[in-house]
Amino acid sequence: MADTAAPKSRGVYLFTGFERFWHRFQAALISFLLLAGLEIHGFYDLLGFERALDLHVLAGFA
């Protein structure tokens, strides 16, 4: 009996590697801005106010 297994296909990518990287980088940056903003407003204390503020402003310009 003949082998009827489908040949292995390669994935089809709609976006280049750079575009996928850029999207993931932006998602991580927005998540960090959210967490730093929550810390600035006192929801938790992980980095401290001054450090969180400095990093939040820096990330905002990135």
C-alpha atoms as a PDB file:
ATOM      1  CA  MET A   1       0.000   0.000   0.000  1.00  0.00           C
ATOM      2  CA  ALA A   2       1.320   3.465  -0.893  1.00  0.00           C
ATOM      3  CA  ASP A   3       2.312   5.956   1.765  1.00  0.00           C
ATOM      4  CA  THR A   4      -0.512   8.518   1.916  1.00  0.00           C
ATOM      5  CA  ALA A   5       0.999  10.801   4.552  1.00  0.00           C
ATOM      6  CA  ALA A   6       0.887  14.453   3.610  1.00  0.00           C
ATOM      7  CA  PRO A   7       4.260  16.048   2.929  1.00  0.00           C
ATOM      8  CA  LYS A   8       5.565  18.334   5.649  1.00  0.00           C
ATOM      9  CA  SER A   9       4.597  21.905   4.922  1.00  0.00           C
ATOM     10  CA  ARG A  10       6.363  24.991   6.115  1.00  0.00           C
ATOM     11  CA  GLY A  11       4.431  27.678   7.970  1.00  0.00           C
ATOM     12  CA  VAL A  12       3.166  30.679   6.084  1.00  0.00           C
ATOM     13  CA  TYR A  13       4.203  33.917   7.737  1.00  0.00           C
ATOM     14  CA  LEU A  14       2.230  37.063   6.979  1.00  0.00           C
ATOM     15  CA  PHE A  15       4.778  39.313   8.640  1.00  0.00           C
ATOM     16  CA  THR A  16       8.559  39.504   8.559  1.00  0.00           C
ATOM     17  CA  GLY A  17      10.675  38.569  11.542  1.00  0.00           C
ATOM     18  CA  PHE A  18      11.301  42.227  12.304  1.00  0.00           C
ATOM     19  CA  GLU A  19       7.564  42.995  12.352  1.00  0.00           C
ATOM     20  CA  ARG A  20       6.911  40.105  14.738  1.00  0.00           C
ATOM     21  CA  PHE A  21       9.784  41.271  16.962  1.00  0.00           C
ATOM     22  CA  TRP A  22       8.504  44.879  16.900  1.00  0.00           C
ATOM     23  CA  HIS A  23       4.985  43.829  17.883  1.00  0.00           C
ATOM     24  CA  ARG A  24       6.236  41.747  20.795  1.00  0.00           C
ATOM     25  CA  PHE A  25       8.557  44.551  21.909  1.00  0.00           C
ATOM     26  CA  GLN A  26       5.694  47.061  21.876  1.00  0.00           C
ATOM     27  CA  ALA A  27       3.446  44.666  23.812  1.00  0.00           C
ATOM     28  CA  ALA A  28       6.144  44.203  26.460  1.00  0.00           C
ATOM     29  CA  LEU A  29       6.717  47.965  26.642  1.00  0.00           C
ATOM     30  CA  ILE A  30       3.021  48.703  27.117  1.00  0.00           C
ATOM     31  CA  SER A  31       2.805  46.021  29.818  1.00  0.00           C
ATOM     32  CA  PHE A  32       5.788  47.576  31.605  1.00  0.00           C
ATOM     33  CA  LEU A  33       4.238  51.053  31.361  1.00  0.00           C
ATOM     34  CA  LEU A  34       1.047  49.698  32.899  1.00  0.00           C
ATOM     35  CA  LEU A  35       2.889  48.017  35.789  1.00  0.00           C
ATOM     36  CA  ALA A  36       5.097  51.049  36.432  1.00  0.00           C
ATOM     37  CA  GLY A  37       2.056  53.338  36.342  1.00  0.00           C
ATOM     38  CA  LEU A  38       0.261  51.164  38.868  1.00  0.00           C
ATOM     39  CA  GLU A  39       3.279  51.343  41.135  1.00  0.00           C
ATOM     40  CA  ILE A  40       3.463  55.132  40.801  1.00  0.00           C
ATOM     41  CA  HIS A  41      -0.166  55.325  41.925  1.00  0.00           C
ATOM     42  CA  GLY A  42       0.524  53.129  44.944  1.00  0.00           C
ATOM     43  CA  PHE A  43      -1.094  49.808  44.028  1.00  0.00           C
ATOM     44  CA  TYR A  44       2.026  47.933  45.112  1.00  0.00           C
ATOM     45  CA  ASP A  45       5.646  48.625  46.107  1.00  0.00           C
ATOM     46  CA  LEU A  46       8.245  46.744  44.096  1.00  0.00           C
ATOM     47  CA  LEU A  47      10.654  49.329  42.660  1.00  0.00           C
ATOM     48  CA  GLY A  48       9.858  52.318  44.825  1.00  0.00           C
ATOM     49  CA  PHE A  49       8.210  55.532  43.667  1.00  0.00           C
ATOM     50  CA  GLU A  50      11.285  57.372  42.363  1.00  0.00           C
ATOM     51  CA  ARG A  51      12.696  54.426  40.407  1.00  0.00           C
ATOM     52  CA  ALA A  52       9.291  53.491  38.999  1.00  0.00           C
ATOM     53  CA  LEU A  53       8.731  57.087  37.902  1.00  0.00           C
ATOM     54  CA  ASP A  54      12.142  57.318  36.230  1.00  0.00           C
ATOM     55  CA  LEU A  55      11.663  54.012  34.409  1.00  0.00           C
ATOM     56  CA  HIS A  56       8.117  54.913  33.412  1.00  0.00           C
ATOM     57  CA  VAL A  57       9.256  58.185  31.852  1.00  0.00           C
ATOM     58  CA  LEU A  58      12.157  56.454  30.096  1.00  0.00           C
ATOM     59  CA  ALA A  59       9.887  53.734  28.731  1.00  0.00           C
ATOM     60  CA  GLY A  60       7.435  56.384  27.579  1.00  0.00           C
ATOM     61  CA  PHE A  61      10.091  57.911  25.345  1.00  0.00           C
ATOM     62  CA  ALA A  62      11.193  54.527  23.942  1.00  0.00           C
END
